[in-house]
Protein backbone atom coordinates (compact mmCIF):
# COMPACT_ATOMS: atom_id res chain seq x y z
CA MET A 1 0.00 0.00 0.00
CA ASP A 2 1.19 3.48 -0.82
CA PRO A 3 2.12 5.21 2.48
CA SER A 4 0.19 8.33 1.45
CA ASP A 5 -2.96 6.21 1.03
CA LEU A 6 -2.42 4.68 4.46
CA ARG A 7 -1.86 8.10 6.00
CA ALA A 8 -5.08 9.49 4.47
CA ASP A 9 -7.07 6.41 5.47
CA LEU A 10 -5.68 6.53 9.00
CA ALA A 11 -6.42 10.25 9.30
CA ALA A 12 -10.02 9.63 8.24
CA ARG A 13 -10.44 6.80 10.77
CA LEU A 14 -8.90 8.86 13.58
CA ALA A 15 -11.08 11.87 12.73
CA ASN A 16 -14.26 9.97 13.59
CA SER A 17 -15.70 10.33 17.06
CA THR A 18 -16.00 6.57 17.37
CA ALA A 19 -13.48 4.48 19.26
CA ILE A 20 -10.63 3.15 17.16
CA ASP A 21 -10.32 -0.57 16.51
CA ALA A 22 -7.24 -2.77 16.75
CA GLU A 23 -6.43 -2.41 13.06
CA THR A 24 -6.52 1.38 13.29
CA PHE A 25 -4.31 1.32 16.37
CA ASN A 26 -1.82 -0.94 14.62
CA ALA A 27 -1.84 1.29 11.52
CA ALA A 28 -1.18 4.32 13.74
CA CYS A 29 1.80 2.55 15.31
CA PHE A 30 3.10 1.68 11.84
CA MET A 31 2.75 5.27 10.63
CA LEU A 32 4.50 6.55 13.75
CA THR A 33 7.43 4.20 13.11
CA ARG A 34 7.70 5.67 9.60
CA ALA A 35 7.54 9.20 11.03
CA LEU A 36 10.59 8.47 13.17
CA GLU A 37 12.72 8.61 10.00
CA GLY A 38 12.14 12.35 9.81
CA LEU A 39 13.09 13.09 13.40
CA GLU A 40 16.57 13.98 14.56
CA PHE A 41 17.30 12.21 17.82
CA THR A 42 19.95 13.50 20.19
CA SER A 43 20.85 9.87 20.94
CA PRO A 44 21.13 7.49 17.97
CA GLU A 45 19.94 4.58 20.13
CA ALA A 46 16.57 6.21 20.78
CA ALA A 47 15.00 5.74 17.33
CA PRO A 48 15.43 1.95 17.13
CA LEU A 49 14.10 1.59 20.68
CA VAL A 50 11.00 3.66 19.97
CA ARG A 51 10.46 1.88 16.63
CA ARG A 52 10.58 -1.53 18.32
CA LEU A 53 8.26 -0.47 21.16
CA LEU A 54 5.69 0.86 18.68
CA ARG A 55 5.83 -2.38 16.72
CA VAL A 56 5.37 -4.38 19.91
CA ALA A 57 2.37 -2.25 20.90
CA GLY A 58 0.75 -2.67 17.49
CA ARG A 59 1.30 -6.44 17.45
CA VAL A 60 -0.05 -6.92 20.98
CA VAL A 61 -3.17 -4.92 20.15
CA ILE A 62 -3.76 -6.85 16.91
CA ASP A 63 -3.27 -10.21 18.62
CA SER A 64 -5.37 -9.44 21.68
CA ALA A 65 -7.91 -6.75 20.77
CA ALA A 66 -8.88 -7.44 17.16
CA ALA A 67 -12.44 -8.59 16.55
CA ASP A 68 -11.28 -12.12 15.75
CA ALA A 69 -8.59 -12.28 18.46
CA SER A 70 -8.44 -15.40 20.58
CA PRO A 71 -7.26 -15.56 24.20
CA ASP A 72 -5.45 -18.76 23.22
CA ILE A 73 -2.78 -16.74 21.39
CA TRP A 74 -1.90 -14.54 24.38
CA THR A 75 0.96 -16.76 25.59
CA ASN A 76 2.66 -16.60 22.18
CA THR A 77 2.01 -12.88 21.85
CA ARG A 78 3.44 -12.19 25.30
CA GLU A 79 6.56 -14.23 24.55
CA MET A 80 7.04 -12.47 21.21
CA ALA A 81 6.60 -9.06 22.83
CA LEU A 82 9.09 -9.86 25.57
CA GLN A 83 11.58 -11.19 23.02
CA TRP A 84 11.32 -8.04 20.87
CA ILE A 85 11.63 -5.80 23.92
CA ASP A 86 14.63 -7.79 25.14
CA GLU A 87 16.30 -7.44 21.72
CA ALA A 88 15.73 -3.69 21.81
CA LEU A 89 17.14 -3.45 25.33
CA ARG A 90 20.17 -5.63 24.51
CA ALA A 91 21.14 -3.13 21.82
CA LEU A 92 21.39 -0.63 24.68
CA GLY A 93 23.32 -2.96 26.97
CA TYR A 94 20.34 -4.12 29.07
CA GLU A 95 18.21 -7.22 29.16
CA ALA A 96 14.68 -8.06 30.18
CA VAL A 97 14.73 -10.81 32.76
CA PRO A 98 11.95 -12.39 34.80
CA ARG A 99 11.38 -11.00 38.26
CA THR A 100 12.42 -13.32 41.07
CA SER A 101 9.97 -13.05 43.95
């Protein structure tokens, strides 16, 4: 899809007074990741972190809030989200580890 078409479609969906659905939320996250390319970050590590977090948010919403979402997929979605977040943190010298208590 042409990004300008997606942007116009997303703007129209967000302009409504109705609540947004999972697909609209995911599209907004996608468009925000594309918008990061035009921003100048003071720290080069910030853009990849934000990009990854937006992608995680969009995926979690699609997997757990879409009209046809199933609670059976939550375990896989959670694991994927944690893996992506851990990868983003490792690039910064951190890691996501389970809490012990």
